[in-house]
PDB file of N, CA and C in Angstrom:
ATOM      1  N   MET A   1      32.352 136.126  42.386  1.00  0.00           N
ATOM      2  CA  MET A   1      33.479 136.579  43.944  1.00  0.00           C
ATOM      3  C   MET A   1      33.606 137.690  43.414  1.00  0.00           C
ATOM      4  N   GLU A   2      33.853 138.524  44.654  1.00  0.00           N
ATOM      5  CA  GLU A   2      34.699 139.978  44.055  1.00  0.00           C
ATOM      6  C   GLU A   2      35.569 140.061  44.995  1.00  0.00           C
ATOM      7  N   ARG A   3      36.641 140.997  45.087  1.00  0.00           N
ATOM      8  CA  ARG A   3      37.703 140.877  46.069  1.00  0.00           C
ATOM      9  C   ARG A   3      38.172 142.403  46.534  1.00  0.00           C
ATOM     10  N   ARG A   4      38.517 142.810  47.316  1.00  0.00           N
ATOM     11  CA  ARG A   4      38.285 144.905  48.009  1.00  0.00           C
ATOM     12  C   ARG A   4      39.576 144.209  48.808  1.00  0.00           C
ATOM     13  N   LEU A   5      40.323 145.618  48.495  1.00  0.00           N
ATOM     14  CA  LEU A   5      41.959 145.426  49.073  1.00  0.00           C
ATOM     15  C   LEU A   5      41.688 146.982  49.749  1.00  0.00           C
ATOM     16  N   ILE A   6      42.544 146.987  50.802  1.00  0.00           N
ATOM     17  CA  ILE A   6      42.174 147.995  52.140  1.00  0.00           C
ATOM     18  C   ILE A   6      43.643 147.918  52.173  1.00  0.00           C
ATOM     19  N   VAL A   7      44.150 149.292  51.734  1.00  0.00           N
ATOM     20  CA  VAL A   7      45.276 150.002  52.347  1.00  0.00           C
ATOM     21  C   VAL A   7      45.142 151.051  53.449  1.00  0.00           C
ATOM     22  N   ALA A   8      46.010 150.627  54.008  1.00  0.00           N
ATOM     23  CA  ALA A   8      46.522 151.448  55.681  1.00  0.00           C
ATOM     24  C   ALA A   8      47.610 151.517  55.478  1.00  0.00           C
ATOM     25  N   ARG A   9      47.889 152.194  57.014  1.00  0.00           N
ATOM     26  CA  ARG A   9      49.388 152.148  57.538  1.00  0.00           C
ATOM     27  C   ARG A   9      49.492 151.059  58.772  1.00  0.00           C
ATOM     28  N   MET A  10      50.431 150.352  58.871  1.00  0.00           N
ATOM     29  CA  MET A  10      51.035 149.761  60.263  1.00  0.00           C
ATOM     30  C   MET A  10      51.936 149.589  60.005  1.00  0.00           C
ATOM     31  N   ASP A  11      53.001 149.348  61.744  1.00  0.00           N
ATOM     32  CA  ASP A  11      54.285 148.607  61.552  1.00  0.00           C
ATOM     33  C   ASP A  11      53.885 147.744  61.866  1.00  0.00           C
ATOM     34  N   PRO A  12      54.910 146.477  61.169  1.00  0.00           N
ATOM     35  CA  PRO A  12      55.350 145.174  60.348  1.00  0.00           C
ATOM     36  C   PRO A  12      55.318 144.444  62.090  1.00  0.00           C
ATOM     37  N   ARG A  13      55.895 145.017  63.308  1.00  0.00           N
ATOM     38  CA  ARG A  13      56.548 144.852  64.382  1.00  0.00           C
ATOM     39  C   ARG A  13      54.578 144.359  64.969  1.00  0.00           C
ATOM     40  N   ASP A  14      53.580 144.424  64.617  1.00  0.00           N
ATOM     41  CA  ASP A  14      52.240 144.903  65.163  1.00  0.00           C
ATOM     42  C   ASP A  14      51.135 143.333  64.259  1.00  0.00           C
ATOM     43  N   ALA A  15      52.080 142.664  63.498  1.00  0.00           N
ATOM     44  CA  ALA A  15      50.998 142.007  62.912  1.00  0.00           C
ATOM     45  C   ALA A  15      50.450 141.038  63.017  1.00  0.00           C
ATOM     46  N   HIS A  16      51.417 140.528  63.934  1.00  0.00           N
ATOM     47  CA  HIS A  16      51.055 139.445  65.406  1.00  0.00           C
ATOM     48  C   HIS A  16      49.539 140.152  66.107  1.00  0.00           C
ATOM     49  N   SER A  17      49.339 141.352  66.370  1.00  0.00           N
ATOM     50  CA  SER A  17      48.542 141.343  67.341  1.00  0.00           C
ATOM     51  C   SER A  17      47.837 141.627  66.455  1.00  0.00           C
ATOM     52  N   VAL A  18      47.063 142.339  64.952  1.00  0.00           N
ATOM     53  CA  VAL A  18      46.420 142.092  64.241  1.00  0.00           C
ATOM     54  C   VAL A  18      45.719 141.346  63.640  1.00  0.00           C
ATOM     55  N   SER A  19      46.424 140.131  63.835  1.00  0.00           N
ATOM     56  CA  SER A  19      46.491 138.567  63.194  1.00  0.00           C
ATOM     57  C   SER A  19      45.500 137.872  64.138  1.00  0.00           C
ATOM     58  N   GLU A  20      45.782 138.303  65.359  1.00  0.00           N
ATOM     59  CA  GLU A  20      44.762 137.927  66.447  1.00  0.00           C
ATOM     60  C   GLU A  20      43.623 138.232  66.193  1.00  0.00           C
ATOM     61  N   VAL A  21      43.273 139.603  66.319  1.00  0.00           N
ATOM     62  CA  VAL A  21      41.933 140.228  66.391  1.00  0.00           C
ATOM     63  C   VAL A  21      41.018 139.904  65.128  1.00  0.00           C
ATOM     64  N   PHE A  22      41.904 140.004  64.115  1.00  0.00           N
ATOM     65  CA  PHE A  22      40.754 139.103  63.074  1.00  0.00           C
ATOM     66  C   PHE A  22      40.762 137.312  63.035  1.00  0.00           C
ATOM     67  N   ALA A  23      41.597 136.585  63.675  1.00  0.00           N
ATOM     68  CA  ALA A  23      41.673 135.304  64.020  1.00  0.00           C
ATOM     69  C   ALA A  23      40.493 135.251  65.156  1.00  0.00           C
ATOM     70  N   GLU A  24      40.068 135.756  66.057  1.00  0.00           N
ATOM     71  CA  GLU A  24      39.377 135.672  67.096  1.00  0.00           C
ATOM     72  C   GLU A  24      37.678 136.518  65.931  1.00  0.00           C
ATOM     73  N   SER A  25      37.542 137.309  65.227  1.00  0.00           N
ATOM     74  CA  SER A  25      36.960 137.762  64.689  1.00  0.00           C
ATOM     75  C   SER A  25      36.632 137.093  63.852  1.00  0.00           C
ATOM     76  N   ASP A  26      37.129 136.477  62.567  1.00  0.00           N
ATOM     77  CA  ASP A  26      36.813 135.333  61.815  1.00  0.00           C
ATOM     78  C   ASP A  26      35.846 133.628  61.989  1.00  0.00           C
ATOM     79  N   ALA A  27      36.477 134.392  63.532  1.00  0.00           N
ATOM     80  CA  ALA A  27      35.839 132.565  64.853  1.00  0.00           C
ATOM     81  C   ALA A  27      34.396 132.674  64.627  1.00  0.00           C
ATOM     82  N   GLY A  28      33.815 134.394  64.743  1.00  0.00           N
ATOM     83  CA  GLY A  28      32.524 134.686  65.057  1.00  0.00           C
ATOM     84  C   GLY A  28      31.608 134.637  63.801  1.00  0.00           C
ATOM     85  N   GLU A  29      30.403 135.637  64.040  1.00  0.00           N
ATOM     86  CA  GLU A  29      29.800 135.566  63.372  1.00  0.00           C
ATOM     87  C   GLU A  29      29.430 136.950  62.037  1.00  0.00           C
ATOM     88  N   LEU A  30      31.003 137.616  62.529  1.00  0.00           N
ATOM     89  CA  LEU A  30      30.523 139.443  61.718  1.00  0.00           C
ATOM     90  C   LEU A  30      31.321 138.605  59.962  1.00  0.00           C
ATOM     91  N   PRO A  31      32.021 137.829  59.622  1.00  0.00           N
ATOM     92  CA  PRO A  31      32.419 137.677  58.399  1.00  0.00           C
ATOM     93  C   PRO A  31      31.149 137.006  57.312  1.00  0.00           C
ATOM     94  N   GLY A  32      30.203 136.215  58.280  1.00  0.00           N
ATOM     95  CA  GLY A  32      29.518 136.294  57.309  1.00  0.00           C
ATOM     96  C   GLY A  32      28.087 137.018  56.880  1.00  0.00           C
ATOM     97  N   ARG A  33      28.151 137.852  58.074  1.00  0.00           N
ATOM     98  CA  ARG A  33      26.912 139.170  57.971  1.00  0.00           C
ATOM     99  C   ARG A  33      27.369 139.898  57.165  1.00  0.00           C
ATOM    100  N   ILE A  34      28.794 140.402  57.075  1.00  0.00           N
ATOM    101  CA  ILE A  34      29.173 141.280  55.993  1.00  0.00           C
ATOM    102  C   ILE A  34      29.401 140.223  54.109  1.00  0.00           C
ATOM    103  N   GLY A  35      29.348 138.992  54.480  1.00  0.00           N
ATOM    104  CA  GLY A  35      29.801 137.792  53.726  1.00  0.00           C
ATOM    105  C   GLY A  35      31.120 137.937  52.619  1.00  0.00           C
ATOM    106  N   VAL A  36      32.301 137.597  53.978  1.00  0.00           N
ATOM    107  CA  VAL A  36      33.339 138.008  53.311  1.00  0.00           C
ATOM    108  C   VAL A  36      33.504 136.103  54.027  1.00  0.00           C
ATOM    109  N   THR A  37      34.463 135.959  52.280  1.00  0.00           N
ATOM    110  CA  THR A  37      34.216 134.103  52.710  1.00  0.00           C
ATOM    111  C   THR A  37      36.042 134.026  52.855  1.00  0.00           C
ATOM    112  N   ALA A  38      36.716 134.956  52.561  1.00  0.00           N
ATOM    113  CA  ALA A  38      37.877 134.886  52.626  1.00  0.00           C
ATOM    114  C   ALA A  38      38.602 136.022  53.257  1.00  0.00           C
ATOM    115  N   ARG A  39      40.269 136.237  53.721  1.00  0.00           N
ATOM    116  CA  ARG A  39      40.371 137.438  54.613  1.00  0.00           C
ATOM    117  C   ARG A  39      42.063 136.793  54.397  1.00  0.00           C
ATOM    118  N   SER A  40      42.835 137.552  53.539  1.00  0.00           N
ATOM    119  CA  SER A  40      44.235 137.668  53.668  1.00  0.00           C
ATOM    120  C   SER A  40      45.337 138.992  54.298  1.00  0.00           C
ATOM    121  N   LEU A  41      45.749 139.144  54.785  1.00  0.00           N
ATOM    122  CA  LEU A  41      46.570 140.618  55.247  1.00  0.00           C
ATOM    123  C   LEU A  41      48.199 140.404  55.239  1.00  0.00           C
ATOM    124  N   PHE A  42      48.116 141.522  54.884  1.00  0.00           N
ATOM    125  CA  PHE A  42      49.976 141.661  54.314  1.00  0.00           C
ATOM    126  C   PHE A  42      50.978 142.668  54.791  1.00  0.00           C
ATOM    127  N   HIS A  43      51.705 143.299  54.890  1.00  0.00           N
ATOM    128  CA  HIS A  43      52.340 144.027  55.285  1.00  0.00           C
ATOM    129  C   HIS A  43      53.502 144.077  54.117  1.00  0.00           C
ATOM    130  N   PHE A  44      53.961 145.598  54.243  1.00  0.00           N
ATOM    131  CA  PHE A  44      54.822 146.033  53.477  1.00  0.00           C
ATOM    132  C   PHE A  44      55.506 146.909  53.734  1.00  0.00           C
ATOM    133  N   GLN A  45      56.529 147.564  54.222  1.00  0.00           N
ATOM    134  CA  GLN A  45      57.139 148.538  54.370  1.00  0.00           C
ATOM    135  C   GLN A  45      56.591 149.657  55.294  1.00  0.00           C
ATOM    136  N   GLY A  46      55.902 149.268  56.150  1.00  0.00           N
ATOM    137  CA  GLY A  46      55.181 150.343  56.826  1.00  0.00           C
ATOM    138  C   GLY A  46      53.525 150.045  56.101  1.00  0.00           C
ATOM    139  N   LEU A  47      53.446 149.437  55.205  1.00  0.00           N
ATOM    140  CA  LEU A  47      52.103 149.683  54.670  1.00  0.00           C
ATOM    141  C   LEU A  47      51.493 148.353  54.981  1.00  0.00           C
ATOM    142  N   TYR A  48      50.124 148.815  55.169  1.00  0.00           N
ATOM    143  CA  TYR A  48      48.761 147.299  55.570  1.00  0.00           C
ATOM    144  C   TYR A  48      47.906 146.873  54.408  1.00  0.00           C
ATOM    145  N   PHE A  49      47.903 145.589  53.859  1.00  0.00           N
ATOM    146  CA  PHE A  49      47.088 144.982  52.658  1.00  0.00           C
ATOM    147  C   PHE A  49      45.740 144.290  53.197  1.00  0.00           C
ATOM    148  N   HIS A  50      45.383 144.449  53.400  1.00  0.00           N
ATOM    149  CA  HIS A  50      43.636 143.371  53.623  1.00  0.00           C
ATOM    150  C   HIS A  50      43.200 143.386  52.441  1.00  0.00           C
ATOM    151  N   LEU A  51      43.026 142.258  51.974  1.00  0.00           N
ATOM    152  CA  LEU A  51      42.294 141.599  50.936  1.00  0.00           C
ATOM    153  C   LEU A  51      41.152 140.753  51.063  1.00  0.00           C
ATOM    154  N   ILE A  52      40.334 141.697  51.107  1.00  0.00           N
ATOM    155  CA  ILE A  52      38.346 140.533  51.473  1.00  0.00           C
ATOM    156  C   ILE A  52      38.157 139.895  50.280  1.00  0.00           C
ATOM    157  N   GLU A  53      37.595 138.939  50.430  1.00  0.00           N
ATOM    158  CA  GLU A  53      37.022 137.441  49.098  1.00  0.00           C
ATOM    159  C   GLU A  53      35.590 137.548  49.451  1.00  0.00           C
ATOM    160  N   SER A  54      34.645 137.865  48.834  1.00  0.00           N
ATOM    161  CA  SER A  54      33.318 137.805  49.256  1.00  0.00           C
ATOM    162  C   SER A  54      32.401 137.738  48.696  1.00  0.00           C
ATOM    163  N   ASP A  55      31.578 136.420  48.104  1.00  0.00           N
ATOM    164  CA  ASP A  55      29.886 135.487  47.363  1.00  0.00           C
ATOM    165  C   ASP A  55      28.983 137.078  46.959  1.00  0.00           C
ATOM    166  N   ARG A  56      29.685 137.916  47.242  1.00  0.00           N
ATOM    167  CA  ARG A  56      28.372 138.761  47.205  1.00  0.00           C
ATOM    168  C   ARG A  56      29.558 140.730  47.229  1.00  0.00           C
ATOM    169  N   PRO A  57      28.739 140.877  46.390  1.00  0.00           N
ATOM    170  CA  PRO A  57      28.915 142.854  46.811  1.00  0.00           C
ATOM    171  C   PRO A  57      29.480 143.537  48.364  1.00  0.00           C
ATOM    172  N   VAL A  58      30.914 143.604  48.739  1.00  0.00           N
ATOM    173  CA  VAL A  58      31.118 143.884  50.830  1.00  0.00           C
ATOM    174  C   VAL A  58      31.278 144.949  50.633  1.00  0.00           C
ATOM    175  N   ARG A  59      31.170 146.069  49.287  1.00  0.00           N
ATOM    176  CA  ARG A  59      31.408 147.551  49.663  1.00  0.00           C
ATOM    177  C   ARG A  59      30.725 148.213  50.739  1.00  0.00           C
ATOM    178  N   GLU A  60      29.335 148.078  49.770  1.00  0.00           N
ATOM    179  CA  GLU A  60      27.939 148.295  50.535  1.00  0.00           C
ATOM    180  C   GLU A  60      27.811 147.974  52.007  1.00  0.00           C
ATOM    181  N   ARG A  61      28.063 146.427  52.221  1.00  0.00           N
ATOM    182  CA  ARG A  61      27.635 145.423  52.954  1.00  0.00           C
ATOM    183  C   ARG A  61      28.697 146.215  54.828  1.00  0.00           C
ATOM    184  N   ILE A  62      29.711 146.407  53.999  1.00  0.00           N
ATOM    185  CA  ILE A  62      30.639 146.904  55.154  1.00  0.00           C
ATOM    186  C   ILE A  62      30.606 148.456  55.697  1.00  0.00           C
ATOM    187  N   GLY A  63      29.955 149.329  54.827  1.00  0.00           N
ATOM    188  CA  GLY A  63      29.702 150.801  54.895  1.00  0.00           C
ATOM    189  C   GLY A  63      28.498 150.144  55.949  1.00  0.00           C
ATOM    190  N   GLU A  64      27.408 149.448  55.696  1.00  0.00           N
ATOM    191  CA  GLU A  64      26.302 149.092  56.562  1.00  0.00           C
ATOM    192  C   GLU A  64      26.857 149.244  57.885  1.00  0.00           C
ATOM    193  N   ALA A  65      27.939 147.537  57.889  1.00  0.00           N
ATOM    194  CA  ALA A  65      28.346 146.922  59.467  1.00  0.00           C
ATOM    195  C   ALA A  65      28.562 147.651  60.037  1.00  0.00           C
ATOM    196  N   VAL A  66      29.084 149.050  59.916  1.00  0.00           N
ATOM    197  CA  VAL A  66      29.679 150.430  60.620  1.00  0.00           C
ATOM    198  C   VAL A  66      29.521 150.268  62.095  1.00  0.00           C
ATOM    199  N   THR A  67      27.873 149.927  62.101  1.00  0.00           N
ATOM    200  CA  THR A  67      26.735 150.446  63.279  1.00  0.00           C
ATOM    201  C   THR A  67      26.704 148.600  63.806  1.00  0.00           C
ATOM    202  N   ASP A  68      27.562 147.866  63.450  1.00  0.00           N
ATOM    203  CA  ASP A  68      27.113 146.861  64.150  1.00  0.00           C
ATOM    204  C   ASP A  68      28.026 146.290  65.193  1.00  0.00           C
ATOM    205  N   PRO A  69      27.755 146.390  66.555  1.00  0.00           N
ATOM    206  CA  PRO A  69      28.338 146.395  67.789  1.00  0.00           C
ATOM    207  C   PRO A  69      29.828 145.067  67.563  1.00  0.00           C
ATOM    208  N   LEU A  70      30.044 143.406  66.653  1.00  0.00           N
ATOM    209  CA  LEU A  70      30.963 143.566  66.582  1.00  0.00           C
ATOM    210  C   LEU A  70      32.067 143.639  65.791  1.00  0.00           C
ATOM    211  N   PHE A  71      31.619 144.988  64.571  1.00  0.00           N
ATOM    212  CA  PHE A  71      32.172 145.918  63.739  1.00  0.00           C
ATOM    213  C   PHE A  71      33.149 146.727  64.518  1.00  0.00           C
ATOM    214  N   GLN A  72      32.174 147.237  65.443  1.00  0.00           N
ATOM    215  CA  GLN A  72      32.731 148.490  65.993  1.00  0.00           C
ATOM    216  C   GLN A  72      33.839 147.738  66.835  1.00  0.00           C
ATOM    217  N   ASP A  73      33.415 147.135  67.505  1.00  0.00           N
ATOM    218  CA  ASP A  73      34.948 146.072  68.567  1.00  0.00           C
ATOM    219  C   ASP A  73      35.880 145.705  67.689  1.00  0.00           C
ATOM    220  N   VAL A  74      35.772 145.571  67.051  1.00  0.00           N
ATOM    221  CA  VAL A  74      37.093 144.731  65.945  1.00  0.00           C
ATOM    222  C   VAL A  74      37.556 146.148  65.652  1.00  0.00           C
ATOM    223  N   SER A  75      37.319 147.231  64.618  1.00  0.00           N
ATOM    224  CA  SER A  75      37.549 148.640  64.999  1.00  0.00           C
ATOM    225  C   SER A  75      38.185 148.901  65.628  1.00  0.00           C
ATOM    226  N   ARG A  76      38.181 148.519  67.289  1.00  0.00           N
ATOM    227  CA  ARG A  76      38.344 149.650  68.399  1.00  0.00           C
ATOM    228  C   ARG A  76      39.650 148.763  68.216  1.00  0.00           C
ATOM    229  N   ARG A  77      39.298 147.113  68.582  1.00  0.00           N
ATOM    230  CA  ARG A  77      41.031 147.186  69.047  1.00  0.00           C
ATOM    231  C   ARG A  77      42.195 147.187  68.214  1.00  0.00           C
ATOM    232  N   LEU A  78      41.594 147.561  66.305  1.00  0.00           N
ATOM    233  CA  LEU A  78      42.208 147.355  65.636  1.00  0.00           C
ATOM    234  C   LEU A  78      43.788 148.813  65.900  1.00  0.00           C
ATOM    235  N   GLU A  79      42.427 149.734  66.183  1.00  0.00           N
ATOM    236  CA  GLU A  79      43.288 151.105  66.649  1.00  0.00           C
ATOM    237  C   GLU A  79      44.360 151.338  66.957  1.00  0.00           C
ATOM    238  N   PRO A  80      44.529 150.610  67.974  1.00  0.00           N
ATOM    239  CA  PRO A  80      46.419 150.816  68.366  1.00  0.00           C
ATOM    240  C   PRO A  80      47.419 150.553  67.095  1.00  0.00           C
ATOM    241  N   PHE A  81      47.313 149.317  66.307  1.00  0.00           N
ATOM    242  CA  PHE A  81      47.986 149.473  65.215  1.00  0.00           C
ATOM    243  C   PHE A  81      47.776 149.311  63.989  1.00  0.00           C
ATOM    244  N   VAL A  82      46.480 149.730  63.269  1.00  0.00           N
ATOM    245  CA  VAL A  82      46.848 150.268  62.015  1.00  0.00           C
ATOM    246  C   VAL A  82      45.849 151.346  61.863  1.00  0.00           C
ATOM    247  N   THR A  83      46.240 152.383  60.968  1.00  0.00           N
ATOM    248  CA  THR A  83      46.206 153.602  61.369  1.00  0.00           C
ATOM    249  C   THR A  83      45.594 153.982  59.624  1.00  0.00           C
ATOM    250  N   ALA A  84      44.735 154.953  59.115  1.00  0.00           N
ATOM    251  CA  ALA A  84      44.780 155.320  57.857  1.00  0.00           C
ATOM    252  C   ALA A  84      45.666 155.251  57.193  1.00  0.00           C
ATOM    253  N   TYR A  85      45.510 155.228  55.834  1.00  0.00           N
ATOM    254  CA  TYR A  85      46.777 155.813  54.881  1.00  0.00           C
ATOM    255  C   TYR A  85      46.963 157.324  54.757  1.00  0.00           C
ATOM    256  N   ASP A  86      45.478 157.987  54.591  1.00  0.00           N
ATOM    257  CA  ASP A  86      45.582 159.267  53.921  1.00  0.00           C
ATOM    258  C   ASP A  86      45.163 159.926  55.430  1.00  0.00           C
ATOM    259  N   PRO A  87      45.239 160.245  56.957  1.00  0.00           N
ATOM    260  CA  PRO A  87      44.162 160.353  57.795  1.00  0.00           C
ATOM    261  C   PRO A  87      43.566 161.466  57.263  1.00  0.00           C
ATOM    262  N   GLN A  88      44.260 162.532  56.745  1.00  0.00           N
ATOM    263  CA  GLN A  88      42.822 162.971  56.113  1.00  0.00           C
ATOM    264  C   GLN A  88      42.012 163.713  55.656  1.00  0.00           C
ATOM    265  N   SER A  89      41.547 162.239  54.485  1.00  0.00           N
ATOM    266  CA  SER A  89      40.794 162.630  53.826  1.00  0.00           C
ATOM    267  C   SER A  89      39.368 161.267  53.939  1.00  0.00           C
ATOM    268  N   TRP A  90      40.281 159.888  55.578  1.00  0.00           N
ATOM    269  CA  TRP A  90      39.492 159.019  56.242  1.00  0.00           C
ATOM    270  C   TRP A  90      38.485 159.858  56.498  1.00  0.00           C
ATOM    271  N   GLN A  91      37.121 159.080  56.322  1.00  0.00           N
ATOM    272  CA  GLN A  91      35.586 159.315  56.323  1.00  0.00           C
ATOM    273  C   GLN A  91      35.095 158.068  56.915  1.00  0.00           C
ATOM    274  N   GLY A  92      35.662 156.822  56.241  1.00  0.00           N
ATOM    275  CA  GLY A  92      35.220 155.645  56.462  1.00  0.00           C
ATOM    276  C   GLY A  92      35.411 154.602  55.865  1.00  0.00           C
ATOM    277  N   PRO A  93      35.108 153.073  56.123  1.00  0.00           N
ATOM    278  CA  PRO A  93      36.211 152.183  55.192  1.00  0.00           C
ATOM    279  C   PRO A  93      36.175 151.672  53.976  1.00  0.00           C
ATOM    280  N   ALA A  94      35.180 153.004  53.151  1.00  0.00           N
ATOM    281  CA  ALA A  94      35.290 153.168  52.012  1.00  0.00           C
ATOM    282  C   ALA A  94      36.249 153.716  51.320  1.00  0.00           C
ATOM    283  N   ASP A  95      36.759 154.764  51.926  1.00  0.00           N
ATOM    284  CA  ASP A  95      38.658 155.663  51.290  1.00  0.00           C
ATOM    285  C   ASP A  95      39.221 154.860  51.988  1.00  0.00           C
ATOM    286  N   ALA A  96      39.593 153.877  52.226  1.00  0.00           N
ATOM    287  CA  ALA A  96      40.731 152.902  52.280  1.00  0.00           C
ATOM    288  C   ALA A  96      40.851 151.723  51.027  1.00  0.00           C
ATOM    289  N   MET A  97      39.840 151.920  50.688  1.00  0.00           N
ATOM    290  CA  MET A  97      39.675 150.585  49.400  1.00  0.00           C
ATOM    291  C   MET A  97      39.824 150.872  48.216  1.00  0.00           C
ATOM    292  N   ALA A  98      41.152 150.059  47.915  1.00  0.00           N
ATOM    293  CA  ALA A  98      42.365 150.432  46.199  1.00  0.00           C
ATOM    294  C   ALA A  98      41.250 150.416  45.043  1.00  0.00           C
ATOM    295  N   THR A  99      41.254 150.951  44.446  1.00  0.00           N
ATOM    296  CA  THR A  99      40.171 150.866  43.302  1.00  0.00           C
ATOM    297  C   THR A  99      40.812 149.819  42.165  1.00  0.00           C
ATOM    298  N   ARG A 100      40.628 148.823  42.138  1.00  0.00           N
ATOM    299  CA  ARG A 100      41.364 147.713  40.945  1.00  0.00           C
ATOM    300  C   ARG A 100      40.901 148.194  39.159  1.00  0.00           C
ATOM    301  N   PHE A 101      42.309 148.577  39.020  1.00  0.00           N
ATOM    302  CA  PHE A 101      42.228 148.749  37.222  1.00  0.00           C
ATOM    303  C   PHE A 101      42.726 147.973  35.853  1.00  0.00           C
ATOM    304  N   TYR A 102      43.100 146.371  36.885  1.00  0.00           N
ATOM    305  CA  TYR A 102      42.823 145.607  35.664  1.00  0.00           C
ATOM    306  C   TYR A 102      43.223 144.417  36.724  1.00  0.00           C
ATOM    307  N   SER A 103      42.592 143.388  35.973  1.00  0.00           N
ATOM    308  CA  SER A 103      42.582 141.579  36.916  1.00  0.00           C
ATOM    309  C   SER A 103      43.115 140.635  34.783  1.00  0.00           C
ATOM    310  N   TRP A 104      43.493 139.676  34.968  1.00  0.00           N
ATOM    311  CA  TRP A 104      43.050 138.743  34.407  1.00  0.00           C
ATOM    312  C   TRP A 104      43.291 137.662  35.148  1.00  0.00           C
ATOM    313  N   ARG A 105      43.199 136.358  34.638  1.00  0.00           N
ATOM    314  CA  ARG A 105      42.588 135.095  35.445  1.00  0.00           C
ATOM    315  C   ARG A 105      42.821 134.002  34.347  1.00  0.00           C
ATOM    316  N   ALA A 106      43.959 132.522  34.166  1.00  0.00           N
ATOM    317  CA  ALA A 106      44.013 131.914  33.697  1.00  0.00           C
ATOM    318  C   ALA A 106      42.304 130.945  33.220  1.00  0.00           C
ATOM    319  N   GLN A 107      42.615 130.887  32.112  1.00  0.00           N
ATOM    320  CA  GLN A 107      41.266 130.439  31.724  1.00  0.00           C
ATOM    321  C   GLN A 107      41.658 128.389  31.868  1.00  0.00           C
TER     322      GLN A 107
END
């Protein structure tokens, strides 16, 4: 299993709207196309955290999905609510993915 954490900015008052966009998308084909098996959304002091779990490498699949009309629709619908953490350097979804530097799991 792979996990990816996406970090962006979001007003916490928009959490319900963002969750509605993903609930609708997650009920369709897009998660399966990308390989997403679970999704969790968090907010903290103006930050947005989007944890994706996948049964296969998802970073490349998300990069490929940017031309998918379903992915483009989700992105368009999120635009009013979620913004890049660093708009100066953001060029695509990979630029919003945190880098894991430690991991532990109980035996």
